[in-house]
Structure formats: structure tokens, C-alpha cells
Amino acid sequence: MFKKSFAPIVPKKSKLLILGSLPGDKSLQENQYYAHPQNRFWKTLALLLSAPTPIDYASRIELLHQHHIALWDVCEAAIRKGSMDTDILEESPNKIDQLLKDNSNIKAVCFNGQKAQKLFDKYFKR
């Protein structure tokens, strides 16, 4: 039930940081962000960017690089049974403030859901 986040993906000259809460079980199993086939993250991102939906993980990462989008999770680690955000307990945050300091081209931070936003607001100032 103890789960850890992945390292951030931070393309050079990233302008946007998208934050999730904590990888789900399928993502942890595959060692890939948003790996569950029913997750709509990559389809939605491609639609917003007017790009083809990337099929494999390398193409997904390339999409982030092409559009200067960084990706990470608010939680560095937490206790969670299963993959539901509502089940996250005893979380510790990633060093998002340091990532933003080290990557001053990032001008906007957005969240993939309410839990990510609430966790961010719990640990960081906007």
C-alpha cells in the first residue's frame, strides 16, 4: 500500500507543468505516467494540442517535449490501497517548489484533477 511517484518529466524550456496526485497501480506496474488504457489523459492532451493521439509511451513523452510541457505528481509518496485518489493517506509532497525554481521558464501550473489541486494547496503557496 506504500506507493511512490515517478521522477518528473521536464523538457528543456518547459512552459507548463501538469500535476497529478500519485500514479495508479497500472502506471506503477508499467512504470509509465497514465498507463491505464481507460485513462483519458493522453487522448485529452493530444486533443487540446491538436496533435495525433500518441500510442506508445515514447510518443507520449515526445508529445510533452514538442510542446514544452512538464509532468509530475504532487505526492512523492503515500499510503493508498488501490488507485483511487480518495484513498490517498499519509502523503508527503514532491519538491515542486524546487522544480519551479530550477525551471524558471515554467509560467503556469495546472492539475489533472481536484485531488492534485487540493494536495498542492495543502503544501504550497500559489
N, C-alpha and C. Protein backbone atom coordinates (compact mmCIF):
# COMPACT_ATOMS: atom_id res chain seq x y z
N MET A 1 0.81 -1.20 0.00
CA MET A 1 0.00 0.00 0.00
C MET A 1 0.86 1.27 0.00
N PHE A 2 2.16 1.17 0.25
CA PHE A 2 3.05 2.32 0.16
C PHE A 2 3.41 2.52 -1.31
N LYS A 3 3.17 3.72 -1.82
CA LYS A 3 3.41 3.99 -3.24
C LYS A 3 4.23 5.25 -3.40
N LYS A 4 5.08 5.24 -4.43
CA LYS A 4 5.97 6.37 -4.70
C LYS A 4 5.74 6.91 -6.10
N SER A 5 5.97 8.18 -6.23
CA SER A 5 5.85 8.86 -7.51
C SER A 5 7.04 8.56 -8.41
N PHE A 6 6.90 8.87 -9.68
CA PHE A 6 7.99 8.80 -10.64
C PHE A 6 8.79 10.09 -10.58
N ALA A 7 9.94 10.07 -11.23
CA ALA A 7 10.71 11.30 -11.44
C ALA A 7 9.90 12.21 -12.38
N PRO A 8 10.10 13.50 -12.28
CA PRO A 8 9.38 14.40 -13.19
C PRO A 8 9.91 14.27 -14.62
N ILE A 9 9.05 14.59 -15.55
CA ILE A 9 9.46 14.75 -16.95
C ILE A 9 9.49 16.25 -17.18
N VAL A 10 10.66 16.77 -17.47
CA VAL A 10 10.82 18.22 -17.61
C VAL A 10 11.61 18.50 -18.89
N PRO A 11 10.91 18.70 -20.00
CA PRO A 11 11.61 19.06 -21.24
C PRO A 11 12.31 20.42 -21.10
N LYS A 12 13.34 20.62 -21.90
CA LYS A 12 14.02 21.92 -21.90
C LYS A 12 13.01 23.01 -22.24
N LYS A 13 13.15 24.11 -21.56
CA LYS A 13 12.30 25.29 -21.77
C LYS A 13 10.82 24.98 -21.58
N SER A 14 10.51 24.12 -20.61
CA SER A 14 9.11 23.84 -20.31
C SER A 14 8.40 25.12 -19.92
N LYS A 15 7.18 25.27 -20.40
CA LYS A 15 6.38 26.46 -20.11
C LYS A 15 5.22 26.15 -19.19
N LEU A 16 4.82 24.88 -19.15
CA LEU A 16 3.65 24.45 -18.40
C LEU A 16 4.01 23.21 -17.59
N LEU A 17 3.52 23.15 -16.37
CA LEU A 17 3.67 21.97 -15.53
C LEU A 17 2.28 21.42 -15.24
N ILE A 18 2.06 20.16 -15.60
CA ILE A 18 0.81 19.47 -15.27
C ILE A 18 1.10 18.55 -14.09
N LEU A 19 0.29 18.69 -13.04
CA LEU A 19 0.47 17.90 -11.83
C LEU A 19 -0.70 16.94 -11.63
N GLY A 20 -0.37 15.68 -11.39
CA GLY A 20 -1.33 14.70 -10.96
C GLY A 20 -1.18 14.51 -9.46
N SER A 21 -1.87 13.55 -8.91
CA SER A 21 -1.79 13.30 -7.47
C SER A 21 -0.70 12.27 -7.17
N LEU A 22 -0.86 11.05 -7.67
CA LEU A 22 0.05 9.93 -7.42
C LEU A 22 -0.27 8.86 -8.47
N PRO A 23 0.75 8.21 -9.05
CA PRO A 23 0.45 7.20 -10.07
C PRO A 23 -0.45 6.08 -9.54
N GLY A 24 -1.33 5.62 -10.41
CA GLY A 24 -2.19 4.48 -10.08
C GLY A 24 -1.43 3.17 -10.21
N ASP A 25 -2.07 2.10 -9.80
CA ASP A 25 -1.42 0.80 -9.79
C ASP A 25 -0.91 0.37 -11.17
N LYS A 26 -1.72 0.56 -12.21
CA LYS A 26 -1.30 0.18 -13.57
C LYS A 26 -0.10 1.00 -14.01
N SER A 27 -0.10 2.28 -13.71
CA SER A 27 1.04 3.13 -14.05
C SER A 27 2.30 2.67 -13.32
N LEU A 28 2.16 2.34 -12.04
CA LEU A 28 3.31 1.85 -11.27
C LEU A 28 3.82 0.53 -11.84
N GLN A 29 2.90 -0.33 -12.22
CA GLN A 29 3.26 -1.63 -12.79
C GLN A 29 4.01 -1.45 -14.11
N GLU A 30 3.56 -0.52 -14.94
CA GLU A 30 4.16 -0.30 -16.25
C GLU A 30 5.32 0.71 -16.20
N ASN A 31 5.48 1.39 -15.06
CA ASN A 31 6.49 2.44 -14.91
C ASN A 31 6.30 3.54 -15.95
N GLN A 32 5.03 3.95 -16.11
CA GLN A 32 4.66 4.97 -17.09
C GLN A 32 3.56 5.85 -16.51
N TYR A 33 3.66 7.14 -16.76
CA TYR A 33 2.57 8.04 -16.39
C TYR A 33 1.32 7.68 -17.19
N TYR A 34 0.18 7.63 -16.52
CA TYR A 34 -1.14 7.43 -17.14
C TYR A 34 -1.17 6.22 -18.05
N ALA A 35 -0.77 5.06 -17.52
CA ALA A 35 -0.64 3.84 -18.31
C ALA A 35 -1.95 3.06 -18.46
N HIS A 36 -2.91 3.29 -17.60
CA HIS A 36 -4.14 2.51 -17.69
C HIS A 36 -4.84 2.84 -19.01
N PRO A 37 -5.24 1.82 -19.77
CA PRO A 37 -5.84 2.07 -21.09
C PRO A 37 -7.13 2.90 -21.03
N GLN A 38 -7.81 2.92 -19.90
CA GLN A 38 -9.03 3.72 -19.80
C GLN A 38 -8.76 5.16 -19.36
N ASN A 39 -7.52 5.46 -18.99
CA ASN A 39 -7.21 6.83 -18.59
C ASN A 39 -7.23 7.72 -19.83
N ARG A 40 -7.87 8.85 -19.72
CA ARG A 40 -8.06 9.75 -20.87
C ARG A 40 -7.00 10.83 -20.97
N PHE A 41 -5.99 10.80 -20.11
CA PHE A 41 -5.02 11.89 -20.08
C PHE A 41 -4.37 12.14 -21.45
N TRP A 42 -3.79 11.11 -22.05
CA TRP A 42 -3.05 11.30 -23.30
C TRP A 42 -3.98 11.69 -24.45
N LYS A 43 -5.19 11.13 -24.50
CA LYS A 43 -6.15 11.49 -25.53
C LYS A 43 -6.58 12.96 -25.39
N THR A 44 -6.84 13.36 -24.14
CA THR A 44 -7.26 14.74 -23.89
C THR A 44 -6.14 15.72 -24.21
N LEU A 45 -4.93 15.40 -23.79
CA LEU A 45 -3.80 16.29 -24.07
C LEU A 45 -3.60 16.44 -25.57
N ALA A 46 -3.64 15.35 -26.30
CA ALA A 46 -3.48 15.41 -27.76
C ALA A 46 -4.58 16.26 -28.39
N LEU A 47 -5.80 16.09 -27.93
CA LEU A 47 -6.91 16.88 -28.45
C LEU A 47 -6.69 18.37 -28.20
N LEU A 48 -6.27 18.72 -26.99
CA LEU A 48 -6.02 20.13 -26.66
C LEU A 48 -4.88 20.73 -27.48
N LEU A 49 -3.92 19.89 -27.85
CA LEU A 49 -2.76 20.35 -28.60
C LEU A 49 -2.96 20.19 -30.12
N SER A 50 -4.13 19.72 -30.53
CA SER A 50 -4.41 19.45 -31.95
C SER A 50 -3.34 18.54 -32.55
N ALA A 51 -3.02 17.50 -31.81
CA ALA A 51 -2.00 16.54 -32.23
C ALA A 51 -2.62 15.14 -32.29
N PRO A 52 -2.01 14.25 -33.05
CA PRO A 52 -2.50 12.86 -33.05
C PRO A 52 -2.30 12.24 -31.67
N THR A 53 -3.21 11.37 -31.29
CA THR A 53 -3.09 10.69 -30.00
C THR A 53 -1.91 9.74 -30.05
N PRO A 54 -0.94 9.93 -29.17
CA PRO A 54 0.22 9.04 -29.18
C PRO A 54 -0.15 7.66 -28.65
N ILE A 55 0.36 6.63 -29.31
CA ILE A 55 0.01 5.26 -28.98
C ILE A 55 0.97 4.67 -27.94
N ASP A 56 2.26 4.79 -28.19
CA ASP A 56 3.23 4.18 -27.27
C ASP A 56 3.82 5.25 -26.34
N TYR A 57 4.48 4.78 -25.30
CA TYR A 57 4.95 5.70 -24.27
C TYR A 57 6.02 6.66 -24.79
N ALA A 58 6.89 6.18 -25.65
CA ALA A 58 7.91 7.07 -26.22
C ALA A 58 7.27 8.23 -26.98
N SER A 59 6.21 7.95 -27.72
CA SER A 59 5.49 9.00 -28.45
C SER A 59 4.80 9.97 -27.50
N ARG A 60 4.33 9.45 -26.39
CA ARG A 60 3.68 10.29 -25.39
C ARG A 60 4.68 11.27 -24.78
N ILE A 61 5.85 10.77 -24.46
CA ILE A 61 6.88 11.63 -23.89
C ILE A 61 7.34 12.66 -24.93
N GLU A 62 7.45 12.24 -26.16
CA GLU A 62 7.83 13.15 -27.24
C GLU A 62 6.80 14.27 -27.39
N LEU A 63 5.53 13.96 -27.24
CA LEU A 63 4.48 14.98 -27.28
C LEU A 63 4.73 16.06 -26.22
N LEU A 64 5.09 15.62 -25.02
CA LEU A 64 5.40 16.58 -23.95
C LEU A 64 6.59 17.45 -24.35
N HIS A 65 7.62 16.84 -24.90
CA HIS A 65 8.81 17.59 -25.29
C HIS A 65 8.50 18.59 -26.41
N GLN A 66 7.74 18.15 -27.40
CA GLN A 66 7.41 19.03 -28.53
C GLN A 66 6.66 20.28 -28.09
N HIS A 67 5.87 20.15 -27.03
CA HIS A 67 5.03 21.26 -26.59
C HIS A 67 5.52 21.89 -25.28
N HIS A 68 6.71 21.52 -24.86
CA HIS A 68 7.35 22.11 -23.66
C HIS A 68 6.47 21.99 -22.42
N ILE A 69 5.95 20.79 -22.21
CA ILE A 69 5.08 20.52 -21.08
C ILE A 69 5.78 19.58 -20.10
N ALA A 70 5.89 20.01 -18.86
CA ALA A 70 6.46 19.18 -17.80
C ALA A 70 5.33 18.42 -17.12
N LEU A 71 5.68 17.27 -16.54
CA LEU A 71 4.68 16.40 -15.93
C LEU A 71 5.24 15.82 -14.64
N TRP A 72 4.44 15.86 -13.58
CA TRP A 72 4.86 15.30 -12.30
C TRP A 72 3.63 15.05 -11.45
N ASP A 73 3.85 14.61 -10.23
CA ASP A 73 2.77 14.38 -9.27
C ASP A 73 3.03 15.21 -8.02
N VAL A 74 1.97 15.61 -7.37
CA VAL A 74 2.10 16.37 -6.13
C VAL A 74 2.70 15.49 -5.03
N CYS A 75 2.25 14.26 -4.95
CA CYS A 75 2.74 13.35 -3.91
C CYS A 75 4.05 12.70 -4.32
N GLU A 76 5.01 12.74 -3.43
CA GLU A 76 6.24 11.99 -3.62
C GLU A 76 6.01 10.54 -3.20
N ALA A 77 5.22 10.38 -2.15
CA ALA A 77 4.88 9.05 -1.64
C ALA A 77 3.61 9.16 -0.80
N ALA A 78 2.94 8.03 -0.67
CA ALA A 78 1.72 7.99 0.15
C ALA A 78 1.33 6.54 0.41
N ILE A 79 0.44 6.38 1.35
CA ILE A 79 -0.22 5.10 1.58
C ILE A 79 -1.52 5.15 0.79
N ARG A 80 -1.75 4.12 -0.02
CA ARG A 80 -3.00 4.07 -0.78
C ARG A 80 -3.30 2.64 -1.18
N LYS A 81 -4.47 2.18 -0.82
CA LYS A 81 -4.95 0.89 -1.30
C LYS A 81 -5.62 1.13 -2.64
N GLY A 82 -5.16 0.47 -3.66
CA GLY A 82 -5.74 0.65 -4.99
C GLY A 82 -5.25 1.93 -5.65
N SER A 83 -6.08 2.47 -6.54
CA SER A 83 -5.67 3.61 -7.36
C SER A 83 -6.53 4.85 -7.19
N MET A 84 -7.49 4.80 -6.29
CA MET A 84 -8.41 5.93 -6.13
C MET A 84 -7.74 7.08 -5.38
N ASP A 85 -7.89 8.30 -5.90
CA ASP A 85 -7.34 9.48 -5.24
C ASP A 85 -7.92 9.67 -3.85
N THR A 86 -9.17 9.28 -3.67
CA THR A 86 -9.82 9.46 -2.36
C THR A 86 -9.19 8.59 -1.28
N ASP A 87 -8.42 7.59 -1.69
CA ASP A 87 -7.79 6.67 -0.73
C ASP A 87 -6.36 7.06 -0.35
N ILE A 88 -5.88 8.20 -0.83
CA ILE A 88 -4.51 8.64 -0.52
C ILE A 88 -4.46 9.07 0.95
N LEU A 89 -3.51 8.49 1.68
CA LEU A 89 -3.31 8.81 3.09
C LEU A 89 -1.82 9.03 3.37
N GLU A 90 -1.54 9.79 4.40
CA GLU A 90 -0.17 9.99 4.89
C GLU A 90 0.80 10.36 3.77
N GLU A 91 0.37 11.27 2.91
CA GLU A 91 1.17 11.66 1.77
C GLU A 91 2.32 12.58 2.19
N SER A 92 3.37 12.55 1.40
CA SER A 92 4.45 13.53 1.50
C SER A 92 4.61 14.15 0.12
N PRO A 93 4.83 15.45 0.05
CA PRO A 93 4.86 16.12 -1.25
C PRO A 93 6.21 16.00 -1.96
N ASN A 94 6.15 16.06 -3.28
CA ASN A 94 7.36 16.22 -4.08
C ASN A 94 7.89 17.64 -3.89
N LYS A 95 9.10 17.87 -4.32
CA LYS A 95 9.74 19.19 -4.18
C LYS A 95 9.39 20.06 -5.39
N ILE A 96 8.11 20.36 -5.49
CA ILE A 96 7.61 21.13 -6.63
C ILE A 96 8.16 22.55 -6.61
N ASP A 97 8.28 23.13 -5.44
CA ASP A 97 8.83 24.49 -5.35
C ASP A 97 10.25 24.54 -5.90
N GLN A 98 11.05 23.53 -5.65
CA GLN A 98 12.41 23.47 -6.18
C GLN A 98 12.40 23.27 -7.68
N LEU A 99 11.51 22.41 -8.18
CA LEU A 99 11.41 22.20 -9.62
C LEU A 99 11.07 23.51 -10.33
N LEU A 100 10.16 24.28 -9.76
CA LEU A 100 9.78 25.55 -10.37
C LEU A 100 10.93 26.56 -10.30
N LYS A 101 11.65 26.55 -9.22
CA LYS A 101 12.81 27.45 -9.08
C LYS A 101 13.88 27.09 -10.10
N ASP A 102 14.10 25.81 -10.31
CA ASP A 102 15.13 25.34 -11.25
C ASP A 102 14.71 25.46 -12.71
N ASN A 103 13.44 25.67 -12.96
CA ASN A 103 12.91 25.75 -14.32
C ASN A 103 12.06 27.00 -14.46
N SER A 104 12.72 28.13 -14.51
CA SER A 104 12.02 29.42 -14.47
C SER A 104 11.20 29.71 -15.72
N ASN A 105 11.35 28.90 -16.77
CA ASN A 105 10.50 29.10 -17.95
C ASN A 105 9.08 28.62 -17.71
N ILE A 106 8.86 27.81 -16.68
CA ILE A 106 7.50 27.35 -16.39
C ILE A 106 6.70 28.53 -15.84
N LYS A 107 5.67 28.90 -16.55
CA LYS A 107 4.86 30.07 -16.20
C LYS A 107 3.47 29.71 -15.72
N ALA A 108 3.09 28.44 -15.88
CA ALA A 108 1.75 28.03 -15.47
C ALA A 108 1.81 26.60 -14.92
N VAL A 109 0.99 26.38 -13.90
CA VAL A 109 0.84 25.06 -13.30
C VAL A 109 -0.64 24.72 -13.38
N CYS A 110 -0.94 23.52 -13.85
CA CYS A 110 -2.33 23.07 -13.85
C CYS A 110 -2.40 21.67 -13.27
N PHE A 111 -3.60 21.24 -12.98
CA PHE A 111 -3.82 19.99 -12.27
C PHE A 111 -4.71 19.07 -13.10
N ASN A 112 -4.47 17.78 -12.99
CA ASN A 112 -5.29 16.84 -13.75
C ASN A 112 -6.56 16.46 -13.01
N GLY A 113 -6.75 17.00 -11.82
CA GLY A 113 -7.96 16.71 -11.06
C GLY A 113 -8.00 17.48 -9.75
N GLN A 114 -9.12 17.38 -9.07
CA GLN A 114 -9.32 18.12 -7.83
C GLN A 114 -8.38 17.67 -6.72
N LYS A 115 -8.09 16.38 -6.64
CA LYS A 115 -7.22 15.89 -5.56
C LYS A 115 -5.82 16.46 -5.70
N ALA A 116 -5.30 16.51 -6.91
CA ALA A 116 -3.98 17.09 -7.14
C ALA A 116 -3.97 18.55 -6.72
N GLN A 117 -5.03 19.29 -7.06
CA GLN A 117 -5.12 20.70 -6.69
C GLN A 117 -5.19 20.86 -5.17
N LYS A 118 -6.00 20.06 -4.52
CA LYS A 118 -6.14 20.16 -3.06
C LYS A 118 -4.84 19.81 -2.35
N LEU A 119 -4.15 18.79 -2.83
CA LEU A 119 -2.87 18.43 -2.23
C LEU A 119 -1.83 19.52 -2.45
N PHE A 120 -1.82 20.10 -3.63
CA PHE A 120 -0.89 21.20 -3.91
C PHE A 120 -1.16 22.36 -2.94
N ASP A 121 -2.42 22.74 -2.82
CA ASP A 121 -2.77 23.86 -1.93
C ASP A 121 -2.47 23.56 -0.46
N LYS A 122 -2.46 22.30 -0.10
CA LYS A 122 -2.13 21.91 1.27
C LYS A 122 -0.65 22.16 1.59
N TYR A 123 0.22 21.99 0.58
CA TYR A 123 1.65 22.04 0.84
C TYR A 123 2.38 23.25 0.23
N PHE A 124 1.76 23.94 -0.73
CA PHE A 124 2.47 25.01 -1.44
C PHE A 124 1.61 26.26 -1.55
N LYS A 125 2.29 27.39 -1.65
CA LYS A 125 1.61 28.66 -1.93
C LYS A 125 1.56 28.85 -3.43
N ARG A 126 0.48 29.42 -3.89
CA ARG A 126 0.36 29.70 -5.33
C ARG A 126 1.11 30.96 -5.68
